[in-house]
N, C-alpha and C. Protein backbone atom coordinates (compact mmCIF):
# COMPACT_ATOMS: atom_id res chain seq x y z
N UNK A 1 3.16 29.43 0.71
CA UNK A 1 2.66 28.33 -0.32
C UNK A 1 1.22 28.29 -0.18
N UNK A 2 0.31 28.46 -1.30
CA UNK A 2 -1.10 28.47 -1.02
C UNK A 2 -1.60 26.84 -0.76
N UNK A 3 -2.64 26.80 -0.18
CA UNK A 3 -3.18 25.31 0.09
C UNK A 3 -4.04 25.02 -1.12
N UNK A 4 -3.88 23.85 -1.65
CA UNK A 4 -4.52 23.35 -2.49
C UNK A 4 -5.59 22.71 -2.17
N UNK A 5 -6.77 23.05 -2.76
CA UNK A 5 -8.13 22.40 -2.13
C UNK A 5 -8.11 20.91 -2.60
N UNK A 6 -7.68 20.47 -3.76
CA UNK A 6 -7.74 19.02 -4.05
C UNK A 6 -7.04 18.30 -3.38
N UNK A 7 -5.60 18.91 -2.91
CA UNK A 7 -4.75 18.00 -2.09
C UNK A 7 -5.39 18.01 -0.63
N UNK A 8 -5.80 18.81 -0.13
CA UNK A 8 -6.51 19.01 1.09
C UNK A 8 -7.62 18.01 1.14
N UNK A 9 -8.58 17.96 0.30
CA UNK A 9 -9.64 17.06 0.31
C UNK A 9 -9.03 15.52 0.03
N UNK A 10 -8.12 15.48 -0.67
CA UNK A 10 -7.58 14.11 -0.90
C UNK A 10 -6.77 13.65 0.38
N UNK A 11 -6.27 14.44 1.00
CA UNK A 11 -5.72 14.12 2.34
C UNK A 11 -6.61 13.64 3.45
N UNK A 12 -7.60 14.49 3.53
CA UNK A 12 -8.76 14.18 4.58
C UNK A 12 -9.41 12.73 4.01
N UNK A 13 -9.62 12.65 2.99
CA UNK A 13 -10.46 11.48 2.67
C UNK A 13 -9.47 10.31 2.79
N UNK A 14 -8.24 10.41 2.35
CA UNK A 14 -7.37 9.20 2.50
C UNK A 14 -7.08 8.66 4.10
N UNK A 15 -6.98 9.85 4.96
CA UNK A 15 -6.95 9.59 6.27
C UNK A 15 -8.14 9.04 6.83
N UNK A 16 -9.49 9.39 6.42
CA UNK A 16 -10.67 8.75 6.78
C UNK A 16 -10.68 7.40 6.37
N UNK A 17 -10.43 7.05 5.28
CA UNK A 17 -10.46 5.62 4.79
C UNK A 17 -9.51 4.67 5.50
N UNK A 18 -8.15 5.35 5.67
CA UNK A 18 -7.19 4.50 6.45
C UNK A 18 -7.66 4.14 7.84
N UNK A 19 -8.29 5.18 8.51
CA UNK A 19 -8.80 4.87 9.73
C UNK A 19 -9.90 4.00 9.82
N UNK A 20 -10.58 4.07 8.65
CA UNK A 20 -11.91 3.24 8.60
C UNK A 20 -11.41 1.78 8.43
N UNK A 21 -10.41 1.57 7.48
CA UNK A 21 -9.85 0.19 7.07
C UNK A 21 -9.33 -0.39 8.49
N UNK A 22 -8.37 0.29 9.03
CA UNK A 22 -7.81 0.10 10.27
C UNK A 22 -8.79 -0.37 11.25
N UNK A 23 -9.80 0.17 11.30
CA UNK A 23 -11.16 -0.13 12.72
C UNK A 23 -11.71 -1.53 12.14
N UNK A 24 -11.87 -1.59 10.81
CA UNK A 24 -12.51 -2.98 10.34
C UNK A 24 -11.61 -3.85 10.83
N UNK A 25 -10.25 -3.76 10.66
CA UNK A 25 -9.34 -5.06 11.24
C UNK A 25 -9.48 -5.28 12.57
N UNK A 26 -9.47 -3.98 13.40
CA UNK A 26 -9.71 -4.16 14.78
C UNK A 26 -10.74 -4.96 15.14
N UNK A 27 -12.04 -4.65 14.45
CA UNK A 27 -13.36 -5.07 14.83
C UNK A 27 -13.59 -6.50 14.06
N UNK A 28 -12.57 -6.95 13.49
CA UNK A 28 -12.83 -8.27 12.47
C UNK A 28 -13.95 -8.15 11.60
N UNK A 29 -14.36 -7.01 11.10
CA UNK A 29 -15.35 -6.70 10.28
C UNK A 29 -14.98 -6.93 8.81
N UNK A 30 -15.85 -7.27 7.85
CA UNK A 30 -15.55 -7.50 6.32
C UNK A 30 -15.68 -6.26 5.68
N UNK A 31 -14.70 -5.92 4.65
CA UNK A 31 -14.96 -4.78 3.92
C UNK A 31 -16.20 -4.39 3.34
N UNK A 32 -16.57 -3.31 3.00
CA UNK A 32 -17.76 -2.89 2.23
C UNK A 32 -17.68 -3.47 0.84
N UNK A 33 -18.70 -3.96 0.19
CA UNK A 33 -18.47 -4.32 -1.15
C UNK A 33 -19.91 -4.17 -1.88
N UNK A 34 -19.94 -3.94 -3.04
CA UNK A 34 -21.19 -3.69 -4.01
C UNK A 34 -21.43 -5.22 -4.68
N UNK A 35 -20.60 -6.14 -4.47
CA UNK A 35 -20.60 -7.34 -5.22
C UNK A 35 -21.24 -8.42 -4.50
N UNK A 36 -21.74 -8.09 -3.18
CA UNK A 36 -22.43 -9.16 -2.41
C UNK A 36 -23.63 -8.43 -1.89
N UNK A 37 -24.68 -9.40 -1.71
CA UNK A 37 -26.01 -8.99 -0.99
C UNK A 37 -26.00 -9.34 0.73
N UNK A 38 -24.90 -10.16 0.87
CA UNK A 38 -24.73 -10.59 2.19
C UNK A 38 -24.76 -9.52 3.39
N UNK A 39 -25.55 -9.72 4.25
CA UNK A 39 -25.54 -8.77 5.17
C UNK A 39 -24.61 -8.52 6.08
N UNK A 40 -23.91 -7.37 6.56
CA UNK A 40 -22.76 -7.24 7.28
C UNK A 40 -23.21 -6.64 8.54
N UNK A 41 -22.36 -6.87 9.53
CA UNK A 41 -22.57 -6.53 10.90
C UNK A 41 -22.51 -5.12 11.01
N UNK A 42 -21.90 -4.23 10.25
CA UNK A 42 -21.92 -2.79 10.31
C UNK A 42 -23.21 -2.20 9.76
N UNK A 43 -23.78 -2.91 8.82
CA UNK A 43 -25.02 -2.47 8.12
C UNK A 43 -26.20 -2.61 9.25
N UNK A 44 -26.20 -3.41 10.38
CA UNK A 44 -27.25 -3.68 11.26
C UNK A 44 -27.61 -2.55 11.88
N UNK A 45 -28.77 -2.36 12.13
CA UNK A 45 -29.22 -1.06 13.05
C UNK A 45 -28.87 -0.93 14.20
N UNK A 46 -28.55 -2.22 14.85
CA UNK A 46 -28.06 -2.39 16.34
C UNK A 46 -26.55 -2.21 16.41
N UNK A 47 -25.88 -2.09 15.31
CA UNK A 47 -24.49 -1.74 15.44
C UNK A 47 -24.01 -0.35 15.90
N UNK A 48 -23.29 -0.44 16.74
CA UNK A 48 -22.78 1.08 17.57
C UNK A 48 -21.40 1.24 17.21
N UNK A 49 -20.92 2.00 16.37
CA UNK A 49 -19.55 2.16 16.00
C UNK A 49 -18.68 2.74 16.98
N UNK A 50 -17.28 2.45 17.10
CA UNK A 50 -16.37 2.93 18.08
C UNK A 50 -16.19 4.28 17.83
N UNK A 51 -15.68 5.22 18.59
CA UNK A 51 -15.59 6.66 18.07
C UNK A 51 -14.66 6.72 16.98
N UNK A 52 -13.71 5.79 16.65
CA UNK A 52 -12.79 5.87 15.70
C UNK A 52 -13.48 5.75 14.48
N UNK A 53 -14.25 4.73 14.50
CA UNK A 53 -15.15 4.26 13.23
C UNK A 53 -16.16 5.33 12.89
N UNK A 54 -16.75 5.88 13.98
CA UNK A 54 -17.50 6.94 13.74
C UNK A 54 -17.05 8.23 13.16
N UNK A 55 -15.85 8.51 13.72
CA UNK A 55 -15.07 9.73 13.09
C UNK A 55 -14.59 9.43 11.81
N UNK A 56 -14.23 8.43 11.55
CA UNK A 56 -13.70 8.07 10.00
C UNK A 56 -14.86 8.06 9.17
N UNK A 57 -16.00 7.50 9.50
CA UNK A 57 -17.22 7.49 8.52
C UNK A 57 -17.73 9.09 8.38
N UNK A 58 -17.76 9.60 9.28
CA UNK A 58 -18.33 11.12 9.23
C UNK A 58 -17.26 11.96 8.45
N UNK A 59 -15.89 11.60 8.61
CA UNK A 59 -15.10 12.32 7.60
C UNK A 59 -15.21 12.16 6.39
N UNK A 60 -15.35 10.79 5.94
CA UNK A 60 -15.36 10.41 4.65
C UNK A 60 -16.69 11.02 3.87
N UNK A 61 -17.73 10.79 4.59
CA UNK A 61 -18.93 11.38 3.99
C UNK A 61 -18.96 12.99 3.85
N UNK A 62 -18.30 13.38 4.69
CA UNK A 62 -18.23 15.12 4.71
C UNK A 62 -17.57 15.37 3.50
N UNK A 63 -16.40 14.50 3.09
CA UNK A 63 -15.55 14.75 2.00
C UNK A 63 -16.55 14.56 0.72
N UNK A 64 -17.21 13.36 0.78
CA UNK A 64 -18.04 13.36 -0.30
C UNK A 64 -19.32 14.30 -0.66
N UNK A 65 -19.86 14.81 0.51
CA UNK A 65 -20.79 16.03 0.31
C UNK A 65 -20.18 17.16 -0.18
N UNK A 66 -19.04 17.52 0.47
CA UNK A 66 -18.32 18.68 0.00
C UNK A 66 -17.97 18.60 -1.42
N UNK A 67 -17.59 17.41 -2.13
CA UNK A 67 -17.37 17.38 -3.38
C UNK A 67 -18.62 17.27 -4.36
N UNK A 68 -19.60 16.76 -3.79
CA UNK A 68 -20.85 16.97 -4.55
C UNK A 68 -21.39 18.46 -4.76
N UNK A 69 -21.25 19.09 -3.46
CA UNK A 69 -21.98 20.29 -3.23
C UNK A 69 -21.21 21.30 -4.04
N UNK A 70 -19.85 21.22 -3.92
CA UNK A 70 -18.79 22.24 -4.37
C UNK A 70 -17.98 21.65 -5.74
N UNK A 71 -18.56 21.24 -6.63
CA UNK A 71 -17.78 20.39 -7.61
C UNK A 71 -16.44 21.19 -8.03
N UNK A 72 -15.40 20.74 -8.36
CA UNK A 72 -14.30 21.34 -8.87
C UNK A 72 -14.58 21.80 -10.41
N UNK A 73 -14.14 22.93 -10.79
CA UNK A 73 -14.41 23.45 -12.20
C UNK A 73 -13.01 23.30 -12.92
N UNK A 74 -13.16 23.21 -14.26
CA UNK A 74 -11.87 23.00 -15.03
C UNK A 74 -11.64 24.09 -15.73
C-alpha cells in the first residue's frame, strides 16, 4: 500500500498538536489565541520549554514549513 503524503503530514501534525495541548495542561499554560494581546508565559524570552513541548513545537513547525515549501498540487 503506497504511503499517502497528505495522510502522513496530517498524522504528524495531529500528533504534534496533541502533544502540545497535553503539555499546556501539564504546565498549566493558556492556549495560544489570536483574539487577545495578553502576554503568555510561553511567549516570554526566559521561558524554557520541556523536551516534550520543544519536540511538539518543532514537529508542528516542520509540518508547516514542509507544506509551504512543497505545496500540494491538484
